[in-house]
Every structure is written in structure tokens, then in C-alpha cells.
Amino acid sequence: MYSRKDRGDKYFEWFSLPGSLVLTTLLSITAIALTICFRTKDRKIAASAIVCCSMDDIMLAGYFGMDELIGSGAFYVGDGIFSGGHLIYIAAYMVQISVNDYTYKNKGFWGGIVFTTTVFVVITVYMVANGTFPGITMYGICILYACIIGADLSTIWSFSYSACSKKSVAELGVLVFFISDLIIGIGKLCGINYFDVSIW
């Protein structure tokens, strides 16, 4: 539906490499550099999370022949790695919540739960109403993944709420993360590809 010129990653097509590959590599390098400069436990954990997510980007995009190496299971392996990245992010923020003696189940946490549940219910109704329901097995996987990204969102919103406006960037960042995963999901499961141009 969209040409390469419509996608934002075209600006990162350096050294004849795909823009999305360069961008995900830059993000990983930045995370590692910040960890080296500011050696805190939570940053070390978060850096490993973004490396996992970069590996998923490589897997799903089929760079270096990964799609051919793994075959039809590349999507599931990639999602598994990405889920691992989300779980590591949760661990990083749980460290911050513990160190600062913050309350976990606060308004930010419950806001994340309500938001995730609402989005998932809306998508489920759409799939059933439009005949794109993926089957019980795939739907079960969707529920599991929704729980993971929802827990990620809720944990970071919990931390942001306790830390007040000082950490609003983290709150916005995880929302963007959630939305990007949502766009990929509704494209794969619901056939809604209008927003694919937003994913680099």
C-alpha cells in the first residue's frame, strides 16, 4: 500500500543498509552507551531489553537471511524474543519501584490495566464482527502477548505516577511502544494495514 518514500526509516538508509536495520542498531548502541556512562542496575537491565527487541526487528524483517534460516516460524520466534524484551523492561522498572520504595498498584498501574483491557476487547470485537478471528490457538497467543505488553505498560505507568512529572518521558515512551506493537498486531490479525507506514 505504501512506497518506501512514505516510510520514515528511509532517512536512515546508510551504507546501503535498510533504514530500519540501521535505526534499531543505533537504538541498541545508544542504550549500551548510556549503560556504560551511567552504570545503574536498572539501566543494565533496560539495555539488555532493547538488544532483545532489536534482535526481534532483525528476525521479523528477515535481515541476514534469518527468515530463511528459521522458516515459517520466524514470526513466532521473533514475537517470543520481543516478549522477552518486554519482560526485561518490566524487571528494570520493578528495580526502580523497589529502590524508591514506590507503591506498585497505584492509579498509574490500574490506568494501564484498564487501557490494555479496553484496547484488547475492542480488537476482539472487531475481529469477530469482521470475520478475521484467528482461531482459538492464535487468540490464546494474543491474550498472552497482550498480558505481557499490558504488564509492561502498567508497570511503567505505575512508576511514572509515583515519580510524578519527572518521568513523563518514560510514560510516553511505553505508550508509543504499546501502540507500535498494536499496529503490528492488528495488521497481522485484523488485516488493518492503514497504520503500517508509522512503523519503521
C-alpha atoms as a PDB file:
ATOM      1  CA  MET A   1       0.000   0.000   0.000  1.00  0.00           C
ATOM      2  CA  TYR A   2       2.831   2.397   0.842  1.00  0.00           C
ATOM      3  CA  SER A   3       6.018   3.042  -1.074  1.00  0.00           C
ATOM      4  CA  ARG A   4       9.442   3.320   0.502  1.00  0.00           C
ATOM      5  CA  LYS A   5       9.367   7.104   0.169  1.00  0.00           C
ATOM      6  CA  ASP A   6       6.398   7.191   2.571  1.00  0.00           C
ATOM      7  CA  ARG A   7       8.306   5.482   5.381  1.00  0.00           C
ATOM      8  CA  GLY A   8      10.352   7.401   7.916  1.00  0.00           C
ATOM      9  CA  ASP A   9      13.191   4.881   8.032  1.00  0.00           C
ATOM     10  CA  LYS A  10      14.319   5.957   4.548  1.00  0.00           C
ATOM     11  CA  TYR A  11      16.347   8.687   6.305  1.00  0.00           C
ATOM     12  CA  PHE A  12      18.472   6.001   7.980  1.00  0.00           C
ATOM     13  CA  GLU A  13      19.434   4.096   4.838  1.00  0.00           C
ATOM     14  CA  TRP A  14      23.157   4.449   5.457  1.00  0.00           C
ATOM     15  CA  PHE A  15      25.953   2.400   3.848  1.00  0.00           C
ATOM     16  CA  SER A  16      23.368   0.804   1.506  1.00  0.00           C
ATOM     17  CA  LEU A  17      21.709  -0.861   4.514  1.00  0.00           C
ATOM     18  CA  PRO A  18      17.943  -0.909   5.205  1.00  0.00           C
ATOM     19  CA  GLY A  19      16.862   2.092   7.270  1.00  0.00           C
ATOM     20  CA  SER A  20      15.042   0.045   9.891  1.00  0.00           C
ATOM     21  CA  LEU A  21      18.151  -2.092  10.466  1.00  0.00           C
ATOM     22  CA  VAL A  22      20.346   0.984  10.928  1.00  0.00           C
ATOM     23  CA  LEU A  23      17.791   2.588  13.248  1.00  0.00           C
ATOM     24  CA  THR A  24      17.355  -0.427  15.515  1.00  0.00           C
ATOM     25  CA  THR A  25      21.150  -0.821  15.685  1.00  0.00           C
ATOM     26  CA  LEU A  26      21.559   2.841  16.648  1.00  0.00           C
ATOM     27  CA  LEU A  27      18.983   2.439  19.413  1.00  0.00           C
ATOM     28  CA  SER A  28      20.833  -0.563  20.826  1.00  0.00           C
ATOM     29  CA  ILE A  29      24.188   1.227  20.667  1.00  0.00           C
ATOM     30  CA  THR A  30      22.670   4.256  22.424  1.00  0.00           C
ATOM     31  CA  ALA A  31      21.247   2.088  25.201  1.00  0.00           C
ATOM     32  CA  ILE A  32      24.587   0.328  25.698  1.00  0.00           C
ATOM     33  CA  ALA A  33      26.470   3.657  25.694  1.00  0.00           C
ATOM     34  CA  LEU A  34      24.135   5.093  28.346  1.00  0.00           C
ATOM     35  CA  THR A  35      24.619   1.971  30.438  1.00  0.00           C
ATOM     36  CA  ILE A  36      28.395   2.350  30.254  1.00  0.00           C
ATOM     37  CA  CYS A  37      28.190   6.045  31.201  1.00  0.00           C
ATOM     38  CA  PHE A  38      25.577   5.624  33.942  1.00  0.00           C
ATOM     39  CA  ARG A  39      26.157   2.211  35.470  1.00  0.00           C
ATOM     40  CA  THR A  40      22.975   1.574  37.395  1.00  0.00           C
ATOM     41  CA  LYS A  41      21.252  -1.775  37.734  1.00  0.00           C
ATOM     42  CA  ASP A  42      18.042  -0.688  36.033  1.00  0.00           C
ATOM     43  CA  ARG A  43      19.901   0.731  33.012  1.00  0.00           C
ATOM     44  CA  LYS A  44      21.845  -2.501  32.581  1.00  0.00           C
ATOM     45  CA  ILE A  45      18.596  -4.449  32.570  1.00  0.00           C
ATOM     46  CA  ALA A  46      16.904  -1.996  30.186  1.00  0.00           C
ATOM     47  CA  ALA A  47      19.869  -2.117  27.786  1.00  0.00           C
ATOM     48  CA  SER A  48      19.569  -5.890  27.530  1.00  0.00           C
ATOM     49  CA  ALA A  49      15.849  -5.432  26.837  1.00  0.00           C
ATOM     50  CA  ILE A  50      16.412  -3.124  23.878  1.00  0.00           C
ATOM     51  CA  VAL A  51      19.025  -5.503  22.469  1.00  0.00           C
ATOM     52  CA  CYS A  52      16.389  -8.273  22.613  1.00  0.00           C
ATOM     53  CA  CYS A  53      13.895  -6.047  20.815  1.00  0.00           C
ATOM     54  CA  SER A  54      16.485  -5.219  18.153  1.00  0.00           C
ATOM     55  CA  MET A  55      17.038  -8.941  17.606  1.00  0.00           C
ATOM     56  CA  ASP A  56      13.291  -9.258  17.089  1.00  0.00           C
ATOM     57  CA  ASP A  57      13.358  -6.473  14.491  1.00  0.00           C
ATOM     58  CA  ILE A  58      16.087  -8.340  12.631  1.00  0.00           C
ATOM     59  CA  MET A  59      14.117 -11.580  12.879  1.00  0.00           C
ATOM     60  CA  LEU A  60      10.796 -10.195  11.654  1.00  0.00           C
ATOM     61  CA  ALA A  61      12.366  -8.202   8.822  1.00  0.00           C
ATOM     62  CA  GLY A  62      14.338 -11.216   7.621  1.00  0.00           C
ATOM     63  CA  TYR A  63      17.718  -9.475   7.703  1.00  0.00           C
ATOM     64  CA  PHE A  64      20.820 -11.634   7.220  1.00  0.00           C
ATOM     65  CA  GLY A  65      18.607 -14.437   5.903  1.00  0.00           C
ATOM     66  CA  MET A  66      17.046 -15.036   9.331  1.00  0.00           C
ATOM     67  CA  ASP A  67      13.615 -15.690   7.819  1.00  0.00           C
ATOM     68  CA  GLU A  68      15.036 -18.384   5.535  1.00  0.00           C
ATOM     69  CA  LEU A  69      17.106 -19.881   8.352  1.00  0.00           C
ATOM     70  CA  ILE A  70      14.146 -20.258  10.708  1.00  0.00           C
ATOM     71  CA  GLY A  71      11.427 -20.644   8.094  1.00  0.00           C
ATOM     72  CA  SER A  72       7.731 -20.102   8.742  1.00  0.00           C
ATOM     73  CA  GLY A  73       8.319 -19.946  12.494  1.00  0.00           C
ATOM     74  CA  ALA A  74      10.294 -16.680  12.266  1.00  0.00           C
ATOM     75  CA  PHE A  75       7.266 -14.610  13.266  1.00  0.00           C
ATOM     76  CA  TYR A  76       6.675 -16.688  16.398  1.00  0.00           C
ATOM     77  CA  VAL A  77      10.352 -16.811  17.352  1.00  0.00           C
ATOM     78  CA  GLY A  78      10.567 -13.059  16.851  1.00  0.00           C
ATOM     79  CA  ASP A  79       7.495 -12.462  18.994  1.00  0.00           C
ATOM     80  CA  GLY A  80       8.962 -14.717  21.666  1.00  0.00           C
ATOM     81  CA  ILE A  81      12.164 -12.658  21.732  1.00  0.00           C
ATOM     82  CA  PHE A  82      10.167  -9.433  21.794  1.00  0.00           C
ATOM     83  CA  SER A  83       8.057 -10.726  24.686  1.00  0.00           C
ATOM     84  CA  GLY A  84      11.297 -11.473  26.493  1.00  0.00           C
ATOM     85  CA  GLY A  85      12.359  -7.874  25.889  1.00  0.00           C
ATOM     86  CA  HIS A  86       9.117  -6.614  27.427  1.00  0.00           C
ATOM     87  CA  LEU A  87       9.609  -8.825  30.491  1.00  0.00           C
ATOM     88  CA  ILE A  88      13.129  -7.469  30.919  1.00  0.00           C
ATOM     89  CA  TYR A  89      11.792  -3.903  30.706  1.00  0.00           C
ATOM     90  CA  ILE A  90       9.317  -4.784  33.451  1.00  0.00           C
ATOM     91  CA  ALA A  91      12.190  -6.060  35.599  1.00  0.00           C
ATOM     92  CA  ALA A  92      14.139  -2.822  35.037  1.00  0.00           C
ATOM     93  CA  TYR A  93      11.267  -0.663  36.241  1.00  0.00           C
ATOM     94  CA  MET A  94      10.472  -3.003  39.123  1.00  0.00           C
ATOM     95  CA  VAL A  95      14.023  -2.325  40.313  1.00  0.00           C
ATOM     96  CA  GLN A  96      13.290   1.413  40.241  1.00  0.00           C
ATOM     97  CA  ILE A  97       9.979   0.947  42.039  1.00  0.00           C
ATOM     98  CA  SER A  98      11.695  -1.140  44.723  1.00  0.00           C
ATOM     99  CA  VAL A  99      14.710   1.176  45.149  1.00  0.00           C
ATOM    100  CA  ASN A 100      12.482   4.235  45.535  1.00  0.00           C
ATOM    101  CA  ASP A 101      10.011   2.376  47.766  1.00  0.00           C
ATOM    102  CA  TYR A 102       7.113   3.295  45.480  1.00  0.00           C
ATOM    103  CA  THR A 103       3.669   1.711  45.619  1.00  0.00           C
ATOM    104  CA  TYR A 104       3.158  -0.636  42.673  1.00  0.00           C
ATOM    105  CA  LYS A 105      -0.640  -0.844  42.485  1.00  0.00           C
ATOM    106  CA  ASN A 106      -1.391   2.856  42.229  1.00  0.00           C
ATOM    107  CA  LYS A 107      -3.574   4.876  39.832  1.00  0.00           C
ATOM    108  CA  GLY A 108      -0.972   4.606  37.086  1.00  0.00           C
ATOM    109  CA  PHE A 109      -0.953   0.813  37.350  1.00  0.00           C
ATOM    110  CA  TRP A 110      -4.736   0.495  37.235  1.00  0.00           C
ATOM    111  CA  GLY A 111      -4.914   3.015  34.410  1.00  0.00           C
ATOM    112  CA  GLY A 112      -2.611   0.775  32.385  1.00  0.00           C
ATOM    113  CA  ILE A 113      -4.736  -2.291  33.141  1.00  0.00           C
ATOM    114  CA  VAL A 114      -7.958  -0.547  32.097  1.00  0.00           C
ATOM    115  CA  PHE A 115      -6.356   0.865  28.933  1.00  0.00           C
ATOM    116  CA  THR A 116      -4.904  -2.503  27.861  1.00  0.00           C
ATOM    117  CA  THR A 117      -8.138  -4.385  28.578  1.00  0.00           C
ATOM    118  CA  THR A 118     -10.244  -1.853  26.681  1.00  0.00           C
ATOM    119  CA  VAL A 119      -7.988  -1.967  23.620  1.00  0.00           C
ATOM    120  CA  PHE A 120      -7.950  -5.779  23.609  1.00  0.00           C
ATOM    121  CA  VAL A 121     -11.744  -6.022  23.923  1.00  0.00           C
ATOM    122  CA  VAL A 122     -12.241  -3.557  21.048  1.00  0.00           C
ATOM    123  CA  ILE A 123      -9.843  -5.529  18.826  1.00  0.00           C
ATOM    124  CA  THR A 124     -11.556  -8.811  19.740  1.00  0.00           C
ATOM    125  CA  VAL A 125     -14.994  -7.422  18.851  1.00  0.00           C
ATOM    126  CA  TYR A 126     -13.596  -6.102  15.557  1.00  0.00           C
ATOM    127  CA  MET A 127     -12.106  -9.494  14.648  1.00  0.00           C
ATOM    128  CA  VAL A 128     -15.341 -11.352  15.423  1.00  0.00           C
ATOM    129  CA  ALA A 129     -17.545  -8.798  13.645  1.00  0.00           C
ATOM    130  CA  ASN A 130     -15.384  -8.719  10.509  1.00  0.00           C
ATOM    131  CA  GLY A 131     -14.628 -12.418  10.241  1.00  0.00           C
ATOM    132  CA  THR A 132     -10.894 -12.102  10.917  1.00  0.00           C
ATOM    133  CA  PHE A 133     -10.856 -14.065  14.181  1.00  0.00           C
ATOM    134  CA  PRO A 134      -7.583 -16.049  14.007  1.00  0.00           C
ATOM    135  CA  GLY A 135      -8.760 -19.194  15.804  1.00  0.00           C
ATOM    136  CA  ILE A 136      -8.544 -20.300  19.430  1.00  0.00           C
ATOM    137  CA  THR A 137      -4.822 -21.147  19.430  1.00  0.00           C
ATOM    138  CA  MET A 138      -3.693 -17.867  17.906  1.00  0.00           C
ATOM    139  CA  TYR A 139      -6.170 -15.964  20.053  1.00  0.00           C
ATOM    140  CA  GLY A 140      -4.645 -17.592  23.128  1.00  0.00           C
ATOM    141  CA  ILE A 141      -1.222 -16.377  21.990  1.00  0.00           C
ATOM    142  CA  CYS A 142      -2.710 -12.916  21.513  1.00  0.00           C
ATOM    143  CA  ILE A 143      -4.055 -12.948  25.070  1.00  0.00           C
ATOM    144  CA  LEU A 144      -0.641 -13.953  26.414  1.00  0.00           C
ATOM    145  CA  TYR A 145       1.126 -11.226  24.449  1.00  0.00           C
ATOM    146  CA  ALA A 146      -1.486  -8.644  25.482  1.00  0.00           C
ATOM    147  CA  CYS A 147      -0.875  -9.590  29.113  1.00  0.00           C
ATOM    148  CA  ILE A 148       2.873  -9.082  28.670  1.00  0.00           C
ATOM    149  CA  ILE A 149       2.737  -5.715  26.907  1.00  0.00           C
ATOM    150  CA  GLY A 150      -0.074  -4.653  29.233  1.00  0.00           C
ATOM    151  CA  ALA A 151       2.053  -5.520  32.260  1.00  0.00           C
ATOM    152  CA  ASP A 152       4.908  -3.527  30.732  1.00  0.00           C
ATOM    153  CA  LEU A 153       2.650  -0.516  30.188  1.00  0.00           C
ATOM    154  CA  SER A 154       1.084  -0.776  33.651  1.00  0.00           C
ATOM    155  CA  THR A 155       4.431  -1.147  35.423  1.00  0.00           C
ATOM    156  CA  ILE A 156       5.979   1.892  33.748  1.00  0.00           C
ATOM    157  CA  TRP A 157       2.825   3.963  34.247  1.00  0.00           C
ATOM    158  CA  SER A 158       2.895   2.919  37.907  1.00  0.00           C
ATOM    159  CA  PHE A 159       6.486   4.127  38.199  1.00  0.00           C
ATOM    160  CA  SER A 160       5.722   7.349  36.319  1.00  0.00           C
ATOM    161  CA  TYR A 161       2.725   8.075  38.534  1.00  0.00           C
ATOM    162  CA  SER A 162       4.795   7.630  41.696  1.00  0.00           C
ATOM    163  CA  ALA A 163       7.685   9.684  40.296  1.00  0.00           C
ATOM    164  CA  CYS A 164       5.241  12.404  39.162  1.00  0.00           C
ATOM    165  CA  SER A 165       6.080  14.551  36.133  1.00  0.00           C
ATOM    166  CA  LYS A 166       9.823  13.827  36.334  1.00  0.00           C
ATOM    167  CA  LYS A 167       9.361  10.581  34.456  1.00  0.00           C
ATOM    168  CA  SER A 168       6.677  11.585  31.963  1.00  0.00           C
ATOM    169  CA  VAL A 169       9.046  10.708  29.106  1.00  0.00           C
ATOM    170  CA  ALA A 170       9.047   7.076  30.249  1.00  0.00           C
ATOM    171  CA  GLU A 171       5.252   7.103  30.382  1.00  0.00           C
ATOM    172  CA  LEU A 172       5.009   8.471  26.843  1.00  0.00           C
ATOM    173  CA  GLY A 173       7.725   6.119  25.595  1.00  0.00           C
ATOM    174  CA  VAL A 174       5.988   2.949  26.733  1.00  0.00           C
ATOM    175  CA  LEU A 175       2.713   4.205  25.229  1.00  0.00           C
ATOM    176  CA  VAL A 176       4.450   4.591  21.851  1.00  0.00           C
ATOM    177  CA  PHE A 177       5.926   1.109  22.349  1.00  0.00           C
ATOM    178  CA  PHE A 178       2.443  -0.263  23.071  1.00  0.00           C
ATOM    179  CA  ILE A 179       0.907   1.469  20.048  1.00  0.00           C
ATOM    180  CA  SER A 180       3.623   0.194  17.693  1.00  0.00           C
ATOM    181  CA  ASP A 181       3.007  -3.375  18.865  1.00  0.00           C
ATOM    182  CA  LEU A 182      -0.722  -2.790  18.484  1.00  0.00           C
ATOM    183  CA  ILE A 183      -0.303  -1.615  14.885  1.00  0.00           C
ATOM    184  CA  ILE A 184       1.739  -4.709  14.039  1.00  0.00           C
ATOM    185  CA  GLY A 185      -0.835  -6.925  15.756  1.00  0.00           C
ATOM    186  CA  ILE A 186      -3.917  -5.504  14.064  1.00  0.00           C
ATOM    187  CA  GLY A 187      -2.123  -5.719  10.745  1.00  0.00           C
ATOM    188  CA  LYS A 188      -1.348  -9.416  11.216  1.00  0.00           C
ATOM    189  CA  LEU A 189      -4.636 -10.442  12.830  1.00  0.00           C
ATOM    190  CA  CYS A 190      -7.277  -7.959  11.669  1.00  0.00           C
ATOM    191  CA  GLY A 191      -5.981  -7.053   8.239  1.00  0.00           C
ATOM    192  CA  ILE A 192      -5.830  -3.372   9.207  1.00  0.00           C
ATOM    193  CA  ASN A 193      -2.732  -2.077   7.449  1.00  0.00           C
ATOM    194  CA  TYR A 194      -3.518   1.631   7.267  1.00  0.00           C
ATOM    195  CA  PHE A 195      -1.030   2.460  10.003  1.00  0.00           C
ATOM    196  CA  ASP A 196       1.885   0.323   8.798  1.00  0.00           C
ATOM    197  CA  VAL A 197       3.610   3.409   7.414  1.00  0.00           C
ATOM    198  CA  SER A 198       4.066   4.582  11.017  1.00  0.00           C
ATOM    199  CA  ILE A 199       6.201   1.555  11.920  1.00  0.00           C
ATOM    200  CA  TRP A 200       9.843   1.875  10.952  1.00  0.00           C
END
